[in-house]
Protein backbone atom coordinates (compact mmCIF):
# COMPACT_ATOMS: atom_id res chain seq x y z
CA MET A 1 -20.17 -7.59 -4.92
CA ILE A 2 -17.71 -4.73 -5.27
CA ALA A 3 -15.07 -4.80 -7.99
CA LEU A 4 -11.90 -6.50 -6.76
CA THR A 5 -8.86 -7.71 -8.65
CA LEU A 6 -7.76 -11.30 -8.26
CA ALA A 7 -4.66 -9.99 -6.52
CA GLU A 8 -6.89 -8.27 -3.96
CA VAL A 9 -8.97 -11.41 -3.48
CA ALA A 10 -5.82 -13.47 -2.93
CA ALA A 11 -4.54 -10.96 -0.39
CA ALA A 12 -7.88 -10.84 1.45
CA THR A 13 -8.05 -14.64 1.70
CA ASP A 14 -4.35 -15.19 2.46
CA GLY A 15 -4.30 -17.32 -0.68
CA ASP A 16 -1.88 -18.18 -3.47
CA LEU A 17 -3.07 -17.08 -6.93
CA ARG A 18 -2.33 -19.60 -9.67
CA ASN A 19 -2.92 -19.79 -13.43
CA ALA A 20 -4.55 -16.33 -13.57
CA ASP A 21 -3.75 -12.68 -14.21
CA PRO A 22 -3.59 -10.77 -10.89
CA ALA A 23 -5.04 -7.67 -12.56
CA THR A 24 -8.24 -9.42 -13.64
CA VAL A 25 -11.23 -7.67 -12.09
CA LEU A 26 -14.19 -9.66 -10.76
CA THR A 27 -17.48 -8.79 -12.42
CA GLY A 28 -19.70 -11.64 -11.19
CA THR A 29 -20.92 -13.16 -7.95
CA VAL A 30 -19.31 -15.50 -5.42
CA GLU A 31 -20.99 -18.92 -5.47
CA TYR A 32 -20.45 -22.31 -3.84
CA ASP A 33 -23.00 -24.08 -6.08
CA SER A 34 -21.46 -24.74 -9.49
CA ARG A 35 -24.93 -24.61 -11.07
CA LYS A 36 -25.30 -20.96 -10.06
CA VAL A 37 -21.93 -19.50 -11.03
CA THR A 38 -21.83 -16.29 -13.07
CA ALA A 39 -19.41 -14.98 -15.65
CA GLY A 40 -16.51 -13.11 -14.09
CA GLY A 41 -17.30 -14.42 -10.62
CA VAL A 42 -15.77 -16.77 -8.04
CA PHE A 43 -16.53 -20.44 -7.45
CA VAL A 44 -15.81 -21.66 -3.92
CA ALA A 45 -14.83 -25.34 -4.03
CA LEU A 46 -16.11 -26.73 -0.74
CA THR A 47 -15.51 -30.32 0.30
CA GLY A 48 -18.50 -32.04 1.89
CA GLU A 49 -19.38 -35.53 3.05
CA ARG A 50 -20.78 -36.59 -0.33
CA VAL A 51 -19.69 -33.90 -2.81
CA ASP A 52 -16.29 -32.32 -3.48
CA GLY A 53 -16.52 -28.93 -5.14
CA HIS A 54 -13.09 -29.39 -6.70
CA ASP A 55 -14.64 -31.95 -9.03
CA TYR A 56 -16.75 -29.15 -10.51
CA ALA A 57 -14.03 -26.51 -10.76
CA ALA A 58 -13.20 -27.03 -14.43
CA GLY A 59 -16.88 -26.89 -15.33
CA ALA A 60 -17.28 -23.65 -13.40
CA VAL A 61 -14.42 -22.12 -15.38
CA GLU A 62 -16.04 -23.26 -18.61
CA ALA A 63 -19.21 -21.49 -17.42
CA GLY A 64 -17.23 -18.26 -17.13
CA VAL A 65 -15.98 -17.85 -13.57
CA ALA A 66 -12.79 -15.84 -13.23
CA VAL A 67 -11.27 -17.90 -10.43
CA VAL A 68 -11.83 -20.88 -8.15
CA LEU A 69 -11.24 -20.66 -4.41
CA ALA A 70 -9.67 -24.07 -3.74
CA THR A 71 -7.86 -26.03 -1.06
CA ARG A 72 -5.82 -28.21 -3.37
CA PRO A 73 -3.92 -27.50 -6.62
CA LEU A 74 -5.99 -27.63 -9.82
CA ASP A 75 -3.98 -28.12 -12.99
CA GLY A 76 -4.60 -25.38 -15.52
CA VAL A 77 -7.51 -23.90 -13.57
CA PRO A 78 -7.34 -20.21 -12.50
CA SER A 79 -7.45 -20.59 -8.75
CA ILE A 80 -6.59 -19.15 -5.38
CA LEU A 81 -5.19 -21.84 -3.11
CA VAL A 82 -6.19 -21.44 0.56
CA ASP A 83 -5.97 -23.59 3.67
CA ASP A 84 -9.72 -23.57 4.38
CA ALA A 85 -12.23 -22.43 1.77
CA LEU A 86 -14.96 -21.62 4.31
CA VAL A 87 -12.62 -19.50 6.42
CA ALA A 88 -11.34 -17.82 3.26
CA LEU A 89 -14.92 -17.01 2.25
CA GLY A 90 -15.38 -15.26 5.59
CA LYS A 91 -12.16 -13.31 5.14
CA LEU A 92 -13.26 -12.17 1.69
CA ALA A 93 -16.61 -11.03 3.08
CA ARG A 94 -14.84 -9.01 5.77
CA ALA A 95 -12.62 -7.39 3.14
CA VAL A 96 -15.74 -6.28 1.26
CA VAL A 97 -17.35 -4.86 4.42
CA ASP A 98 -14.19 -2.89 5.19
CA ARG A 99 -14.43 -1.26 1.75
CA LEU A 100 -18.03 -0.11 2.35
CA PRO A 101 -17.81 2.56 5.09
CA ASP A 102 -21.36 3.84 4.50
CA LEU A 103 -22.91 0.42 5.08
CA THR A 104 -25.16 -0.04 8.13
CA ILE A 105 -25.20 -3.67 9.29
CA VAL A 106 -28.19 -5.00 11.24
CA GLY A 107 -27.91 -8.43 12.87
CA VAL A 108 -30.73 -10.52 14.31
CA THR A 109 -30.64 -13.69 16.38
CA GLY A 110 -32.90 -15.71 18.65
CA SER A 111 -34.13 -19.24 19.21
CA SER A 112 -37.15 -18.65 16.98
CA GLY A 113 -38.47 -15.98 14.65
CA LYS A 114 -35.12 -14.98 13.11
CA THR A 115 -36.09 -15.45 9.50
CA SER A 116 -39.47 -13.73 9.75
CA THR A 117 -37.88 -10.82 11.58
CA LYS A 118 -35.09 -10.65 9.01
CA ASP A 119 -37.74 -10.21 6.33
CA LEU A 120 -39.43 -7.45 8.35
CA LEU A 121 -36.11 -5.69 8.90
CA ALA A 122 -35.42 -5.84 5.19
CA ALA A 123 -38.80 -4.23 4.50
CA VAL A 124 -38.07 -1.40 6.94
CA CYS A 125 -34.52 -0.80 5.74
CA GLY A 126 -35.62 -1.04 2.13
CA ARG A 127 -37.81 1.99 2.71
CA LEU A 128 -34.66 4.01 3.35
CA GLY A 129 -32.22 2.76 0.75
CA PRO A 130 -30.76 -0.20 -1.16
CA THR A 131 -30.84 -3.20 1.16
CA VAL A 132 -29.32 -6.68 1.03
CA ALA A 133 -30.78 -9.50 3.12
CA PRO A 134 -30.38 -13.27 2.89
CA PRO A 135 -32.92 -15.43 1.10
CA GLU A 136 -34.73 -17.94 3.31
CA SER A 137 -32.49 -18.87 6.27
CA PHE A 138 -28.95 -18.25 5.02
CA ASN A 139 -27.71 -17.69 8.55
CA ASN A 140 -24.70 -19.93 9.19
CA GLU A 141 -20.97 -19.85 8.50
CA LEU A 142 -21.67 -20.40 4.79
CA GLY A 143 -24.84 -18.45 4.09
CA HIS A 144 -23.73 -15.50 6.21
CA PRO A 145 -20.60 -14.52 4.24
CA TRP A 146 -22.35 -15.44 0.98
CA THR A 147 -24.99 -12.84 1.82
CA VAL A 148 -22.38 -10.23 2.79
CA LEU A 149 -20.77 -10.66 -0.62
CA ARG A 150 -24.04 -9.55 -2.25
CA ALA A 151 -23.42 -6.01 -0.98
CA ASP A 152 -21.93 -3.49 -3.38
CA ALA A 153 -21.08 0.21 -3.47
CA ASP A 154 -24.78 1.15 -3.70
CA THR A 155 -25.87 -0.93 -0.71
CA ARG A 156 -26.78 1.09 2.38
CA TYR A 157 -28.24 -1.56 4.65
CA LEU A 158 -27.15 -5.15 5.19
CA VAL A 159 -29.53 -7.30 7.23
CA LEU A 160 -27.99 -10.51 8.55
CA GLU A 161 -29.62 -13.43 10.33
CA LYS A 162 -27.29 -15.21 12.76
CA SER A 163 -27.64 -18.80 13.90
CA ALA A 164 -25.39 -20.85 16.13
CA ARG A 165 -24.78 -24.45 17.12
CA GLY A 166 -22.65 -23.51 20.09
CA VAL A 167 -20.92 -20.78 22.03
CA GLY A 168 -18.57 -18.73 19.85
CA HIS A 169 -20.38 -19.18 16.53
CA ILE A 170 -22.22 -15.86 16.57
CA ARG A 171 -19.06 -14.09 17.73
CA TRP A 172 -17.29 -15.39 14.62
CA LEU A 173 -20.13 -14.22 12.37
CA THR A 174 -19.96 -10.73 13.88
CA GLU A 175 -16.25 -10.62 13.12
CA ILE A 176 -17.04 -11.23 9.45
CA ALA A 177 -19.57 -8.39 9.35
CA PRO A 178 -19.49 -6.18 12.49
CA PRO A 179 -23.05 -4.99 13.20
CA ARG A 180 -24.03 -1.51 14.35
CA ILE A 181 -27.52 -2.66 15.33
CA GLY A 182 -28.19 -6.00 17.01
CA VAL A 183 -31.60 -7.59 17.68
CA VAL A 184 -32.08 -10.48 20.11
CA LEU A 185 -35.57 -11.95 19.96
CA ASN A 186 -35.68 -14.75 22.52
CA VAL A 187 -33.86 -17.60 24.22
CA GLY A 188 -35.70 -20.90 24.09
CA ALA A 189 -35.25 -24.65 24.11
CA ALA A 190 -34.34 -24.90 20.41
CA HIS A 191 -31.03 -26.73 19.87
CA ALA A 192 -30.78 -27.68 23.55
CA GLY A 193 -29.12 -30.89 22.43
CA GLU A 194 -26.30 -28.91 20.81
CA PHE A 195 -25.89 -26.16 23.39
CA GLY A 196 -26.30 -28.39 26.43
CA SER A 197 -28.48 -25.98 28.39
CA ILE A 198 -30.69 -22.94 27.97
CA GLU A 199 -28.05 -20.93 29.85
CA ALA A 200 -25.49 -21.83 27.20
CA THR A 201 -28.00 -20.81 24.54
CA ALA A 202 -28.37 -17.42 26.21
CA GLN A 203 -24.60 -17.06 26.38
CA ALA A 204 -24.33 -17.73 22.64
CA LYS A 205 -27.17 -15.42 21.60
CA GLY A 206 -25.74 -12.59 23.69
CA GLU A 207 -22.54 -12.63 21.65
CA LEU A 208 -24.37 -10.43 19.15
CA VAL A 209 -24.83 -7.53 21.57
CA GLU A 210 -21.31 -7.98 22.93
CA ALA A 211 -20.01 -7.24 19.43
CA LEU A 212 -21.82 -3.91 19.11
CA PRO A 213 -19.80 -0.66 19.28
CA ALA A 214 -20.48 2.01 21.89
CA GLU A 215 -22.28 4.09 19.27
CA GLY A 216 -24.40 1.09 18.28
CA LEU A 217 -27.85 -0.06 19.36
CA ALA A 218 -28.98 -3.27 21.06
CA ILE A 219 -32.68 -4.10 20.66
CA LEU A 220 -33.76 -6.58 23.32
CA ASN A 221 -37.00 -8.42 24.02
CA ALA A 222 -38.22 -7.05 27.34
CA ASP A 223 -40.63 -10.00 27.72
CA ASP A 224 -37.83 -12.58 27.86
CA GLY A 225 -35.85 -12.38 31.08
CA ARG A 226 -32.73 -13.93 29.62
CA VAL A 227 -32.75 -11.44 26.75
CA ARG A 228 -33.53 -8.48 29.00
CA ALA A 229 -30.49 -9.41 31.10
CA MET A 230 -28.23 -9.00 28.04
CA ALA A 231 -28.37 -5.23 28.57
CA SER A 232 -25.46 -5.66 30.97
CA ARG A 233 -23.38 -7.41 28.28
CA THR A 234 -23.20 -4.57 25.78
CA LYS A 235 -21.61 -1.15 25.63
CA ALA A 236 -24.18 -0.05 23.05
CA ARG A 237 -27.34 1.90 23.79
CA VAL A 238 -30.25 -0.42 24.65
CA VAL A 239 -33.86 -0.28 23.48
CA GLN A 240 -36.29 -2.74 25.05
CA VAL A 241 -39.28 -3.94 23.03
CA GLY A 242 -42.29 -6.01 24.01
CA LEU A 243 -45.59 -6.05 25.86
CA ALA A 244 -43.94 -5.12 29.16
CA PRO A 245 -45.14 -1.75 30.52
CA ASP A 246 -41.57 -0.44 30.72
CA ALA A 247 -40.63 -1.40 27.15
CA ASP A 248 -39.38 1.51 25.06
CA VAL A 249 -41.23 0.25 21.98
CA ARG A 250 -44.40 -1.41 23.18
CA ALA A 251 -47.54 -3.13 21.92
CA SER A 252 -50.94 -3.05 23.59
CA ASP A 253 -54.48 -4.13 22.76
CA VAL A 254 -53.37 -7.13 20.70
CA THR A 255 -56.20 -8.81 18.81
CA LEU A 256 -56.37 -11.52 16.15
CA ASP A 257 -58.64 -11.44 13.13
CA GLY A 258 -60.52 -14.43 11.75
CA ILE A 259 -57.43 -15.93 10.10
CA GLY A 260 -55.04 -15.32 12.99
CA ARG A 261 -53.47 -12.03 11.89
CA PRO A 262 -52.58 -9.69 14.79
CA GLY A 263 -53.53 -6.07 15.12
CA PHE A 264 -52.23 -3.87 17.94
CA THR A 265 -51.38 -0.38 19.11
CA LEU A 266 -47.70 0.51 18.73
CA HIS A 267 -46.42 2.85 21.46
CA VAL A 268 -43.21 4.88 21.51
CA GLY A 269 -43.15 7.32 24.41
CA ASP A 270 -46.41 9.28 24.31
CA ALA A 271 -46.95 8.62 20.60
CA HIS A 272 -48.86 5.67 19.20
CA ALA A 273 -50.03 4.19 15.90
CA HIS A 274 -52.17 1.25 14.85
CA VAL A 275 -50.62 -1.78 13.15
CA GLN A 276 -52.63 -4.47 11.40
CA LEU A 277 -50.42 -7.29 10.17
CA LYS A 278 -50.81 -9.46 7.10
CA LEU A 279 -48.74 -12.13 8.85
CA HIS A 280 -50.39 -14.98 10.74
CA GLY A 281 -49.80 -15.62 14.43
CA GLU A 282 -49.60 -13.51 17.58
CA HIS A 283 -45.91 -14.38 17.93
CA HIS A 284 -45.19 -11.94 15.09
CA VAL A 285 -45.99 -9.01 17.37
CA GLY A 286 -42.58 -9.23 19.06
CA ASN A 287 -40.84 -9.59 15.70
CA VAL A 288 -42.63 -6.49 14.41
CA LEU A 289 -41.72 -4.48 17.50
CA ALA A 290 -38.05 -5.26 16.93
CA ALA A 291 -38.30 -4.18 13.29
CA ALA A 292 -40.14 -1.03 14.36
CA ALA A 293 -37.33 -0.14 16.76
CA VAL A 294 -34.80 -0.49 13.94
CA GLY A 295 -36.87 1.68 11.62
CA LEU A 296 -37.19 4.39 14.24
CA GLU A 297 -33.45 4.27 14.90
CA LEU A 298 -32.71 4.70 11.20
CA GLY A 299 -34.93 7.74 10.89
CA LEU A 300 -38.41 6.61 9.88
CA GLY A 301 -41.35 8.27 11.60
CA LEU A 302 -43.76 6.26 13.73
CA ASP A 303 -46.62 6.45 11.24
CA GLU A 304 -44.37 5.37 8.39
CA VAL A 305 -43.03 2.46 10.42
CA ALA A 306 -46.61 1.37 11.14
CA THR A 307 -47.47 1.64 7.44
CA VAL A 308 -44.47 -0.39 6.29
CA LEU A 309 -45.02 -3.15 8.81
CA SER A 310 -48.77 -3.29 8.24
CA GLY A 311 -48.05 -3.83 4.57
CA ALA A 312 -45.42 -6.53 5.03
CA THR A 313 -46.34 -9.87 3.49
CA PRO A 314 -44.73 -13.30 3.90
CA VAL A 315 -41.40 -13.52 2.08
CA SER A 316 -39.72 -16.74 3.17
CA ARG A 317 -41.61 -19.91 2.28
CA ARG A 318 -43.33 -22.39 4.59
CA ARG A 319 -43.58 -20.13 7.63
CA MET A 320 -47.24 -19.75 8.65
CA GLU A 321 -48.10 -19.63 4.94
CA VAL A 322 -51.88 -19.74 4.73
CA THR A 323 -53.72 -21.04 1.67
CA GLU A 324 -57.43 -21.62 1.24
CA ARG A 325 -58.41 -24.43 -1.10
CA VAL A 326 -61.43 -24.01 -3.33
CA ASP A 327 -63.24 -26.64 -1.27
CA GLY A 328 -62.98 -24.40 1.82
CA VAL A 329 -60.13 -26.23 3.57
CA THR A 330 -57.49 -23.82 4.88
CA VAL A 331 -53.91 -25.12 4.90
CA VAL A 332 -51.37 -23.48 7.22
CA ASP A 333 -47.89 -24.42 6.03
CA ASP A 334 -45.39 -23.92 8.86
CA SER A 335 -43.31 -26.91 7.85
CA TYR A 336 -39.96 -25.20 7.36
CA ASN A 337 -38.74 -25.90 10.89
CA ALA A 338 -39.90 -26.34 14.47
CA ASN A 339 -38.87 -25.98 18.08
CA PRO A 340 -41.00 -25.97 21.24
CA ASP A 341 -41.51 -22.20 21.23
CA SER A 342 -42.47 -21.96 17.57
CA VAL A 343 -44.84 -24.95 17.81
CA ARG A 344 -46.59 -23.38 20.80
CA ALA A 345 -46.98 -20.13 18.87
CA ALA A 346 -48.32 -21.96 15.81
CA LEU A 347 -50.86 -23.91 17.86
CA LYS A 348 -52.13 -20.72 19.47
CA ALA A 349 -52.50 -19.11 16.06
CA LEU A 350 -54.36 -22.20 14.85
CA ARG A 351 -56.72 -22.01 17.80
CA ALA A 352 -57.45 -18.36 16.98
CA MET A 353 -58.46 -19.44 13.47
CA ALA A 354 -61.06 -21.84 14.85
CA THR A 355 -63.60 -19.11 15.61
CA PRO A 356 -63.22 -16.30 13.08
CA ALA A 357 -64.22 -12.86 14.31
CA PRO A 358 -67.27 -11.65 12.35
CA LYS A 359 -66.79 -8.79 9.93
CA GLN A 360 -68.67 -5.56 10.60
CA GLY A 361 -72.37 -6.12 10.09
CA GLU A 362 -72.04 -9.92 9.91
CA GLU A 363 -73.50 -12.47 12.28
CA PRO A 364 -70.94 -14.52 14.26
CA ARG A 365 -69.83 -17.56 12.31
CA GLY A 366 -69.63 -21.07 13.68
CA ARG A 367 -66.50 -22.66 15.02
CA ARG A 368 -64.24 -24.30 12.41
CA ARG A 369 -62.66 -27.69 13.01
CA VAL A 370 -58.90 -27.33 13.40
CA TRP A 371 -56.23 -29.97 12.76
CA ALA A 372 -52.60 -29.99 13.86
CA VAL A 373 -50.31 -32.27 11.87
CA LEU A 374 -47.08 -32.39 13.85
CA GLY A 375 -43.76 -34.16 13.41
CA HIS A 376 -40.71 -34.31 15.62
CA MET A 377 -38.67 -31.35 16.82
CA ALA A 378 -34.97 -32.06 16.32
CA GLU A 379 -31.89 -31.19 18.39
CA LEU A 380 -33.59 -31.15 21.80
CA GLY A 381 -31.15 -33.56 23.44
CA ASP A 382 -32.16 -35.03 26.78
CA THR A 383 -35.25 -32.80 26.93
CA SER A 384 -36.75 -34.23 23.76
CA ARG A 385 -39.36 -36.54 25.27
CA GLU A 386 -40.44 -33.97 27.84
CA GLN A 387 -40.77 -31.22 25.21
CA HIS A 388 -42.73 -33.38 22.78
CA ASP A 389 -45.02 -34.58 25.57
CA ALA A 390 -45.70 -30.95 26.56
CA ILE A 391 -46.74 -30.06 23.02
CA GLY A 392 -49.29 -32.87 22.98
CA ARG A 393 -50.73 -31.68 26.28
CA LEU A 394 -50.89 -28.11 24.99
CA ALA A 395 -52.88 -29.24 21.96
CA VAL A 396 -55.50 -30.64 24.33
CA ARG A 397 -55.60 -27.51 26.49
CA LEU A 398 -56.04 -25.34 23.39
CA ASP A 399 -58.95 -27.53 22.30
CA ILE A 400 -57.39 -28.51 18.99
CA ASP A 401 -59.98 -30.81 17.41
CA ARG A 402 -57.74 -33.34 15.70
CA LEU A 403 -54.04 -34.08 16.22
CA VAL A 404 -52.10 -36.13 13.67
CA VAL A 405 -48.64 -37.08 14.92
CA VAL A 406 -46.27 -38.22 12.18
CA GLY A 407 -43.32 -40.57 12.59
CA PRO A 408 -41.84 -42.61 15.45
CA GLU A 409 -39.67 -39.76 16.76
CA ALA A 410 -42.76 -37.65 17.48
CA GLY A 411 -44.64 -40.34 19.40
CA ALA A 412 -44.41 -38.49 22.71
CA ILE A 413 -46.67 -35.75 21.31
CA HIS A 414 -49.44 -38.31 20.87
CA ALA A 415 -48.72 -39.84 24.28
CA GLY A 416 -48.89 -36.44 25.99
CA ALA A 417 -52.19 -35.61 24.32
CA VAL A 418 -53.78 -38.90 25.29
CA LEU A 419 -52.62 -38.63 28.89
CA GLU A 420 -53.73 -35.01 29.20
CA GLY A 421 -57.17 -35.40 27.70
CA SER A 422 -58.00 -39.09 27.70
CA TRP A 423 -58.35 -38.65 23.95
CA GLY A 424 -59.51 -41.36 21.64
CA GLU A 425 -59.72 -40.62 17.93
CA GLU A 426 -58.88 -36.95 18.51
CA SER A 427 -55.18 -37.88 18.39
CA VAL A 428 -53.76 -40.30 15.84
CA HIS A 429 -50.15 -41.44 15.57
CA VAL A 430 -49.26 -42.43 12.01
CA PRO A 431 -45.96 -43.97 10.89
CA ASP A 432 -45.06 -41.70 7.99
CA VAL A 433 -46.01 -38.92 5.56
CA ASP A 434 -47.95 -41.23 3.24
CA ALA A 435 -50.17 -42.39 6.09
CA ALA A 436 -50.78 -38.81 7.17
CA VAL A 437 -51.75 -37.78 3.64
CA GLU A 438 -54.11 -40.73 3.31
CA LEU A 439 -55.82 -39.94 6.63
CA LEU A 440 -56.23 -36.25 5.83
CA GLY A 441 -57.47 -36.96 2.34
CA SER A 442 -60.27 -39.13 3.71
CA GLN A 443 -61.30 -36.99 6.68
CA LEU A 444 -60.75 -33.29 5.90
CA ALA A 445 -64.01 -31.46 5.30
CA PRO A 446 -64.89 -28.03 3.88
CA GLY A 447 -64.24 -25.34 6.46
CA ASP A 448 -61.48 -27.26 8.27
CA VAL A 449 -58.17 -25.58 9.08
CA VAL A 450 -55.06 -27.78 9.06
CA LEU A 451 -51.66 -26.74 10.43
CA VAL A 452 -48.57 -28.68 9.34
CA LYS A 453 -45.39 -28.21 11.39
CA ALA A 454 -42.17 -30.10 12.23
CA SER A 455 -38.43 -29.84 11.95
CA ARG A 456 -37.16 -29.90 8.38
CA SER A 457 -35.78 -33.41 8.75
CA ALA A 458 -39.34 -34.72 9.18
CA ARG A 459 -40.14 -33.53 5.63
CA LEU A 460 -43.74 -32.63 6.41
CA ASP A 461 -43.55 -30.17 3.53
CA ARG A 462 -44.57 -33.24 1.50
CA VAL A 463 -47.85 -33.33 3.44
CA VAL A 464 -48.50 -29.71 2.48
CA ASP A 465 -47.64 -30.33 -1.16
CA ALA A 466 -50.05 -33.26 -1.25
CA LEU A 467 -52.83 -31.20 0.34
CA LEU A 468 -52.33 -28.37 -2.12
CA ALA A 469 -52.10 -30.69 -5.10
CA GLY A 470 -55.76 -31.56 -4.65
CA PRO A 471 -58.39 -28.88 -5.17
CA VAL A 472 -56.94 -25.73 -6.76
CA ALA A 473 -55.72 -23.40 -4.02
CA THR A 474 -55.99 -19.63 -3.70
CA PRO A 475 -54.00 -17.35 -1.40
CA ALA A 476 -55.60 -16.32 1.83
CA PRO A 477 -56.27 -12.58 2.16
CA GLY A 478 -53.16 -10.60 2.92
CA GLY A 479 -50.62 -12.93 1.42
CA GLY A 480 -49.73 -16.58 1.28
CA ARG A 481 -49.26 -19.16 -1.39
CA ALA A 482 -49.89 -18.06 -4.96
C-alpha cells in the first residue's frame, strides 16, 4: 500500500479519526483478519454473523496496527469511525488507485474460469512489470478492495477478478478500481438461483465492459453468443477471442496430451505460434486466448506471449490439480468449486486422460479406468435438479467408467446416469465423504484416474486429502501438487 497519513485515510473513508495523531503515516498493510495484521497497518473491524471484529481491535493495536477502521466507538483505541466498514474499505481502495496514475488495471469476469484466467493474466503482466493479483478467489466486495490495497508506487499492473451475486455488483467493483482492460469469459448457469435467469447473469457480467473508457479494451469470448453480444455495450475497442473463424485472437488444431493438457496453434492475423500448456483441460484454451490478447495489447510479441503461457503452471489450489500417487493412481483435484459448465469441462478432461497419447516411438498404451467423484453444485435455484441430472447423463455419454455421487443434494446426478445408461454398479450414490473415501480406498487400482469435483460447501476436498494421505504422492509432469 502507498504511504498515507491517518488524516488522509479518514478523509478518504469519510471517517472520524479518534485517539490517534493525524500525521501518523501508515507503513503496514490493511487487514480484516486480526491474525494477519502488520505493524503500522490498518485493521478493519467487520461485523459478521458469528464474529465481531471490534472484539479483536485492542489485540490488533497491541500487535502494532496504527489504526482500526470501526463502526462503533472504541475506548482508548486509535480508530477511524465510519458508517460501514466494508464501504469504507472500498473508498480507501479507490483513493489509492487515484494516487497511482501509471497503474494499468485489468479486470476479468465470467461464470467459470475467472481464477485460472486471473493467474494467467498475472503471469503475462508480470513479464512486463511489477504486478499485483489476488490470491485464490479474492473476487468479492471484500477481497477486491483488499487486493487493490496491495498496490504501491512500484506496481504497474493490477489484475482483478470480479464476481457477482446480482446485477450491480460488478459495477460497484469497477467503481472501486476502474479497469482499462476488461475480459469476459463466458455466461453460464452458475448462480442461476441468485441471478434468477441466465439473461440476468449476462446483464451483470457485461457491467465490466460498460465501465471501460473509450481508450480501453474489451476482450470478449467469440464462442459465447451472450458474451459476443456485449460488444454493443461498451465504448472501448473490442477484441474477440476463441475458436471462431472470425476471432481476432484464435486457436486452431487443439489437441490433448496423455494427461489432458492442451496444445494448439495461436493465431493473430497472419501470424501464428504454438502453445503447449502445462494446465489440464481443454477449457483452458479460451482462458489462455484471453490472457494472450491482454499480453499483445500491453506490448508483448506473439512468440513471447506463447512462451509465457506455455510455461504457466497452476497457481491457485484445487483447480484441476493433478497428482500421481506412487501406486499409479492419478488424482485430479478440482474440488474448489463447481457449476454445470466447469463440471462438463472437467469430465471432458477426465475422459481425455483415459487413453493417453503414446509418446514418440512408444506403442499405444491401454485405456485407463477413470472415476468421477461428484458432489452437488450450489446456487442453481429452480434448475438444480435438471442441471444435476444432465451431468449424470453426460458422464455416461463420455464413457466415464465409475461415477461416485456424494451426498443427498447430488442425488440427481446418480439418477440421470442410471436413466441414461441403465447403469448398475458403474454409478454409486453414497451418503457422505466418509463413505466415498471408504469405497475408493477399497476399489481404486493402479493406473486409475479419479476426478473429485463439487461446490465448496460439499467439502469434497476432504476426499482428495484422504486419497493423497495414502501412498506418497508426486506431482504430475508440468505442475500440480508438491
